[in-house]
Amino acid sequence: MPKSQNQIKGVYYACCACLYVLVRYVGILTDSPLFLIGAMIVSWLTSLPLSLCITTPLRRHHSTFNDLPGPESANWLYDHVFDVFDEPLAKNVTRWINERCYPHGLMHFFGLFGSEYIVPTDPEGLVETTTRSHMPSGDTRLPVLNAMVMESLRLFPSFGLLLRKAIRDTSIKGRVIPRGTNIGICPKAINCARHIWGDDAEEFSLERWIDRSEPDNPKQVPTGGAPSTVCMLSFGYGTRSCVGRHLAMAQIKRQVALIVERFHVETEDDKIPQPSGMFASTPPLDFRLRFTELN
């Protein structure tokens, strides 16, 4: 390996170590595994641009860096900096990041178990669902399971802010928005608006999503009682909405069905959990669930 690559890699790992110590010990002193993993990921991602900033002036003043131009330094770091991981560990880290990024699986425990509601299930339907290799997102069976997922998505959207840009001159509630203006949209503000969802907009209610006009044949309500599907912005809306929505919904339903089929889940205390995170919503560090295996 060229000397320049060793030096850049050394700078990167030094930045990782320093940032991890800073986040871990100068920030919140906690032994939570979730926080520690988060600190590691923050240090990894932040150290990449920081390493490039440090090595760029060195490359200009020291000939040992001349054989590795700046842009190639970034490409090389992306390709080689994580080679300390063996393959199984790398796959586990990737899987963990994917599960956390869309659509924050743990957030759904807020709606399902972080409240006074007991999750009613159809055992036969759950067995059929969990034994299938693929569960279409538009499956009309298990309306209660669908209601649980939709209501938790409504109350706890994965992202607190969606950024958009006006493609033409328009207006919002009488305010003129010129073309090219950046706009921030808060999904939860729409998802919990009382003039759309009613006076109980901020309460967890499965019945929004279930039509029980036929007691023996309950059906799903696609809009949750709102005037239109645009009233729920957890996945965005329109041409810029989440392209992985249907895949995410199918996976969430199947995972929740697997958990509910095998475990009784309850919170350790009566405290109402509040999501944390600046851009992406995550469970609070002190949120605890108790899993009891069913016989």
Protein backbone atom coordinates (compact mmCIF):
# COMPACT_ATOMS: atom_id res chain seq x y z
CA MET A 1 0.00 0.00 0.00
CA PRO A 2 1.44 3.46 -0.93
CA LYS A 3 2.69 5.55 1.94
CA SER A 4 0.12 8.25 1.23
CA GLN A 5 -2.71 5.79 1.67
CA ASN A 6 -1.35 4.64 5.02
CA GLN A 7 -1.10 8.26 6.14
CA ILE A 8 -4.63 9.14 5.06
CA LYS A 9 -6.00 6.01 6.69
CA GLY A 10 -4.10 6.83 9.86
CA VAL A 11 -5.55 10.34 9.91
CA TYR A 12 -9.04 8.91 9.38
CA TYR A 13 -8.82 6.44 12.26
CA ALA A 14 -7.35 9.13 14.50
CA CYS A 15 -10.32 11.39 13.69
CA CYS A 16 -12.72 8.52 14.38
CA ALA A 17 -11.17 7.86 17.77
CA CYS A 18 -11.12 11.53 18.79
CA LEU A 19 -14.69 12.19 17.68
CA TYR A 20 -15.95 9.05 19.38
CA VAL A 21 -14.31 10.05 22.66
CA LEU A 22 -15.73 13.55 22.29
CA VAL A 23 -19.28 12.34 21.63
CA ARG A 24 -19.10 9.59 24.23
CA TYR A 25 -17.56 11.38 27.19
CA VAL A 26 -18.16 15.08 26.62
CA GLY A 27 -21.79 14.52 25.66
CA ILE A 28 -24.32 12.45 27.55
CA LEU A 29 -22.62 9.96 29.81
CA THR A 30 -24.59 6.81 29.18
CA ASP A 31 -23.92 3.14 28.72
CA SER A 32 -26.85 2.65 26.37
CA PRO A 33 -25.80 0.36 23.48
CA LEU A 34 -27.98 2.39 21.12
CA PHE A 35 -26.16 5.58 22.05
CA LEU A 36 -22.74 3.96 21.74
CA ILE A 37 -23.51 2.62 18.27
CA GLY A 38 -24.85 6.03 17.29
CA ALA A 39 -21.66 7.68 18.53
CA MET A 40 -19.58 5.28 16.45
CA ILE A 41 -21.58 5.95 13.29
CA VAL A 42 -21.41 9.72 13.84
CA SER A 43 -17.64 9.52 14.26
CA TRP A 44 -17.25 7.40 11.12
CA LEU A 45 -19.34 9.68 8.90
CA THR A 46 -17.92 12.93 10.26
CA SER A 47 -14.33 11.77 10.07
CA LEU A 48 -14.43 11.27 6.30
CA PRO A 49 -14.74 14.94 5.28
CA LEU A 50 -12.61 15.95 8.26
CA SER A 51 -9.80 13.64 7.10
CA LEU A 52 -9.92 15.10 3.61
CA CYS A 53 -9.76 18.64 5.02
CA ILE A 54 -6.68 17.72 7.06
CA THR A 55 -4.84 15.83 4.30
CA THR A 56 -5.51 18.35 1.51
CA PRO A 57 -3.06 21.00 2.79
CA LEU A 58 -0.58 18.24 3.64
CA ARG A 59 -0.83 16.95 0.09
CA ARG A 60 -0.03 20.42 -1.21
CA HIS A 61 3.07 20.87 0.96
CA HIS A 62 4.41 17.33 1.21
CA SER A 63 5.44 15.25 -1.76
CA THR A 64 4.32 12.03 -0.02
CA PHE A 65 0.73 12.99 -0.82
CA ASN A 66 1.28 13.94 -4.45
CA ASP A 67 0.62 10.43 -5.74
CA LEU A 68 -2.94 10.52 -4.40
CA PRO A 69 -5.00 13.50 -5.68
CA GLY A 70 -7.81 14.89 -3.55
CA PRO A 71 -10.85 13.34 -5.30
CA GLU A 72 -9.14 9.97 -5.45
CA SER A 73 -8.50 10.23 -1.72
CA ALA A 74 -12.25 10.34 -1.12
CA ASN A 75 -12.90 7.39 -3.42
CA TRP A 76 -10.13 5.37 -1.81
CA LEU A 77 -11.45 6.07 1.69
CA TYR A 78 -14.94 5.00 0.70
CA ASP A 79 -13.61 1.77 -0.80
CA HIS A 80 -11.01 0.77 1.79
CA VAL A 81 -11.49 2.49 5.12
CA PHE A 82 -13.91 -0.11 6.48
CA ASP A 83 -11.82 -3.14 5.53
CA VAL A 84 -11.16 -3.74 9.24
CA PHE A 85 -14.60 -5.35 9.38
CA ASP A 86 -14.99 -8.99 8.52
CA GLU A 87 -17.81 -9.76 6.09
CA PRO A 88 -20.45 -10.94 8.61
CA LEU A 89 -19.95 -7.86 10.77
CA ALA A 90 -20.12 -5.55 7.77
CA LYS A 91 -23.40 -7.16 6.71
CA ASN A 92 -24.83 -6.78 10.21
CA VAL A 93 -23.86 -3.09 10.36
CA THR A 94 -25.39 -2.51 6.92
CA ARG A 95 -28.57 -4.33 7.91
CA TRP A 96 -28.81 -2.34 11.15
CA ILE A 97 -28.40 0.97 9.32
CA ASN A 98 -31.03 0.00 6.73
CA GLU A 99 -33.52 -1.01 9.41
CA ARG A 100 -32.96 2.24 11.26
CA CYS A 101 -33.22 4.45 8.18
CA TYR A 102 -36.56 3.28 6.86
CA PRO A 103 -38.94 3.74 8.45
CA HIS A 104 -37.50 3.45 11.92
CA GLY A 105 -38.89 0.11 13.04
CA LEU A 106 -38.49 0.84 16.74
CA MET A 107 -40.66 3.93 16.38
CA HIS A 108 -43.62 1.69 15.70
CA PHE A 109 -43.33 0.21 19.18
CA PHE A 110 -44.35 3.67 20.39
CA GLY A 111 -47.73 3.36 18.76
CA LEU A 112 -48.13 -0.35 19.33
CA PHE A 113 -46.82 -0.79 22.86
CA GLY A 114 -45.88 2.68 24.13
CA SER A 115 -49.48 3.31 25.08
CA GLU A 116 -52.33 1.73 27.02
CA TYR A 117 -53.50 -0.29 24.02
CA ILE A 118 -53.26 -4.05 23.89
CA VAL A 119 -52.62 -5.34 20.39
CA PRO A 120 -55.51 -7.57 19.27
CA THR A 121 -54.51 -10.15 16.71
CA ASP A 122 -55.96 -12.86 14.53
CA PRO A 123 -53.78 -15.93 15.33
CA GLU A 124 -54.71 -17.84 12.20
CA GLY A 125 -54.14 -14.81 10.02
CA LEU A 126 -50.81 -14.11 11.67
CA VAL A 127 -49.59 -17.65 11.07
CA GLU A 128 -50.53 -17.35 7.42
CA THR A 129 -48.82 -13.97 7.16
CA THR A 130 -45.57 -14.97 8.85
CA THR A 131 -45.20 -18.17 6.84
CA ARG A 132 -45.50 -16.42 3.49
CA SER A 133 -42.30 -15.43 1.72
CA HIS A 134 -43.86 -12.23 0.40
CA MET A 135 -46.60 -10.06 1.82
CA PRO A 136 -48.04 -7.52 -0.65
CA SER A 137 -48.42 -4.04 0.83
CA GLY A 138 -51.96 -3.86 -0.54
CA ASP A 139 -53.10 -7.00 1.23
CA THR A 140 -56.59 -6.31 2.58
CA ARG A 141 -56.46 -9.03 5.23
CA LEU A 142 -55.58 -8.39 8.89
CA PRO A 143 -57.19 -4.93 9.10
CA VAL A 144 -56.10 -4.56 12.75
CA LEU A 145 -52.46 -5.16 11.84
CA ASN A 146 -52.77 -2.60 9.04
CA ALA A 147 -54.41 -0.13 11.44
CA MET A 148 -51.62 -0.55 14.01
CA VAL A 149 -48.92 0.20 11.46
CA MET A 150 -50.75 3.10 9.82
CA GLU A 151 -51.63 4.76 13.12
CA SER A 152 -48.08 4.50 14.45
CA LEU A 153 -46.78 5.90 11.17
CA ARG A 154 -49.24 8.77 11.45
CA LEU A 155 -48.28 9.70 15.00
CA PHE A 156 -44.55 9.01 14.64
CA PRO A 157 -43.35 9.86 11.11
CA SER A 158 -39.76 8.89 10.42
CA PHE A 159 -38.67 12.40 9.48
CA GLY A 160 -39.65 15.58 11.24
CA LEU A 161 -38.94 17.84 8.27
CA LEU A 162 -39.29 17.36 4.52
CA LEU A 163 -37.48 19.87 2.31
CA ARG A 164 -39.00 20.85 -1.00
CA LYS A 165 -38.49 23.59 -3.62
CA ALA A 166 -41.31 25.41 -5.40
CA ILE A 167 -41.18 24.61 -9.13
CA ARG A 168 -43.56 27.45 -9.99
CA ASP A 169 -45.00 30.58 -8.39
CA THR A 170 -47.67 29.58 -5.91
CA SER A 171 -49.18 30.54 -2.55
CA ILE A 172 -49.77 28.89 0.81
CA LYS A 173 -52.65 30.29 2.90
CA GLY A 174 -52.38 33.61 1.10
CA ARG A 175 -48.59 33.90 1.38
CA VAL A 176 -46.89 34.25 -2.01
CA ILE A 177 -44.23 31.60 -2.65
CA PRO A 178 -42.00 32.54 -5.63
CA ARG A 179 -40.58 29.85 -7.89
CA GLY A 180 -37.33 28.38 -6.53
CA THR A 181 -38.20 29.04 -2.87
CA ASN A 182 -37.10 26.32 -0.44
CA ILE A 183 -39.96 25.05 1.69
CA GLY A 184 -39.91 22.96 4.85
CA ILE A 185 -42.86 20.65 5.51
CA CYS A 186 -43.54 19.15 8.93
CA PRO A 187 -45.33 15.80 8.39
CA LYS A 188 -46.52 15.48 11.98
CA ALA A 189 -48.17 18.91 11.88
CA ILE A 190 -50.38 17.65 9.04
CA ASN A 191 -50.74 14.13 10.45
CA CYS A 192 -52.06 15.50 13.76
CA ALA A 193 -54.06 18.49 12.51
CA ARG A 194 -57.41 18.54 14.32
CA HIS A 195 -59.29 20.16 11.45
CA ILE A 196 -58.33 17.09 9.35
CA TRP A 197 -58.31 14.17 11.82
CA GLY A 198 -60.75 15.43 14.43
CA ASP A 199 -60.43 16.42 18.08
CA ASP A 200 -58.64 13.15 18.91
CA ALA A 201 -55.98 13.75 16.25
CA GLU A 202 -53.12 13.32 18.74
CA GLU A 203 -54.50 10.11 20.24
CA PHE A 204 -53.69 6.57 19.17
CA SER A 205 -56.85 5.08 17.68
CA LEU A 206 -56.96 1.92 15.60
CA GLU A 207 -60.57 2.50 14.64
CA ARG A 208 -59.62 5.29 12.23
CA TRP A 209 -58.38 2.70 9.81
CA ILE A 210 -61.08 0.02 10.24
CA ASP A 211 -64.55 -0.04 8.71
CA ARG A 212 -66.78 -2.14 10.97
CA SER A 213 -70.04 -1.54 9.13
CA GLU A 214 -70.06 -5.29 8.62
CA PRO A 215 -69.10 -6.73 12.04
CA ASP A 216 -68.14 -10.10 10.61
CA ASN A 217 -66.09 -8.60 7.81
CA PRO A 218 -64.08 -5.55 8.97
CA LYS A 219 -62.31 -3.70 6.17
CA GLN A 220 -59.41 -1.32 5.87
CA VAL A 221 -60.02 2.43 5.54
CA PRO A 222 -57.27 3.74 3.20
CA THR A 223 -57.48 7.37 4.38
CA GLY A 224 -57.93 6.71 8.10
CA GLY A 225 -61.04 8.88 8.13
CA ALA A 226 -59.23 11.89 6.66
CA PRO A 227 -60.61 13.60 3.53
CA SER A 228 -57.74 12.37 1.33
CA THR A 229 -54.54 10.32 1.38
CA VAL A 230 -52.56 13.58 1.08
CA CYS A 231 -53.53 14.28 4.70
CA MET A 232 -50.90 11.79 5.88
CA LEU A 233 -47.37 12.83 4.92
CA SER A 234 -45.26 10.19 6.68
CA PHE A 235 -43.97 9.06 3.27
CA GLY A 236 -44.34 12.44 1.59
CA TYR A 237 -46.71 12.86 -1.33
CA GLY A 238 -46.67 13.24 -5.08
CA THR A 239 -43.77 12.61 -7.47
CA ARG A 240 -41.22 13.17 -4.68
CA SER A 241 -42.77 10.77 -2.21
CA CYS A 242 -40.86 7.80 -0.79
CA VAL A 243 -40.19 5.28 -3.58
CA GLY A 244 -39.78 2.47 -1.03
CA ARG A 245 -43.14 2.99 0.64
CA HIS A 246 -44.77 -0.26 -0.46
CA LEU A 247 -41.69 -2.34 0.34
CA ALA A 248 -41.38 -0.69 3.75
CA MET A 249 -45.05 -1.24 4.57
CA ALA A 250 -44.87 -4.90 3.60
CA GLN A 251 -41.77 -5.48 5.73
CA ILE A 252 -43.13 -3.60 8.74
CA LYS A 253 -46.36 -5.59 8.73
CA ARG A 254 -44.56 -8.88 8.48
CA GLN A 255 -42.05 -8.01 11.22
CA VAL A 256 -44.76 -6.78 13.59
CA ALA A 257 -46.79 -9.94 12.90
CA LEU A 258 -43.76 -12.10 13.71
CA ILE A 259 -43.15 -10.29 17.00
CA VAL A 260 -46.77 -10.28 18.12
CA GLU A 261 -47.15 -13.96 17.24
CA ARG A 262 -44.19 -15.00 19.40
CA PHE A 263 -44.00 -12.45 22.23
CA HIS A 264 -46.11 -10.45 24.63
CA VAL A 265 -44.64 -6.95 24.58
CA GLU A 266 -45.14 -4.28 27.22
CA THR A 267 -43.41 -1.16 28.45
CA GLU A 268 -41.42 -1.21 31.68
CA ASP A 269 -43.13 1.91 33.01
CA ASP A 270 -46.17 4.08 32.37
CA LYS A 271 -44.19 7.01 31.03
CA ILE A 272 -45.36 8.20 27.61
CA PRO A 273 -42.32 8.04 25.31
CA GLN A 274 -41.45 11.00 23.12
CA PRO A 275 -39.40 10.59 19.93
CA SER A 276 -36.01 12.27 19.73
CA GLY A 277 -33.72 13.28 16.89
CA MET A 278 -33.19 16.47 14.93
CA PHE A 279 -34.09 15.25 11.43
CA ALA A 280 -34.85 11.53 11.69
CA SER A 281 -37.07 10.42 14.57
CA THR A 282 -35.63 7.80 16.89
CA PRO A 283 -36.76 6.28 20.20
CA PRO A 284 -35.56 8.04 23.36
CA LEU A 285 -32.54 6.47 25.00
CA ASP A 286 -34.47 5.53 28.13
CA PHE A 287 -37.30 3.76 26.28
CA ARG A 288 -37.51 0.12 27.42
CA LEU A 289 -39.73 -2.77 26.34
CA ARG A 290 -40.23 -6.14 28.02
CA PHE A 291 -40.58 -9.19 25.76
CA THR A 292 -42.21 -12.31 27.21
CA GLU A 293 -42.12 -15.38 25.01
CA LEU A 294 -45.53 -16.94 24.43
CA ASN A 295 -46.05 -20.66 24.92
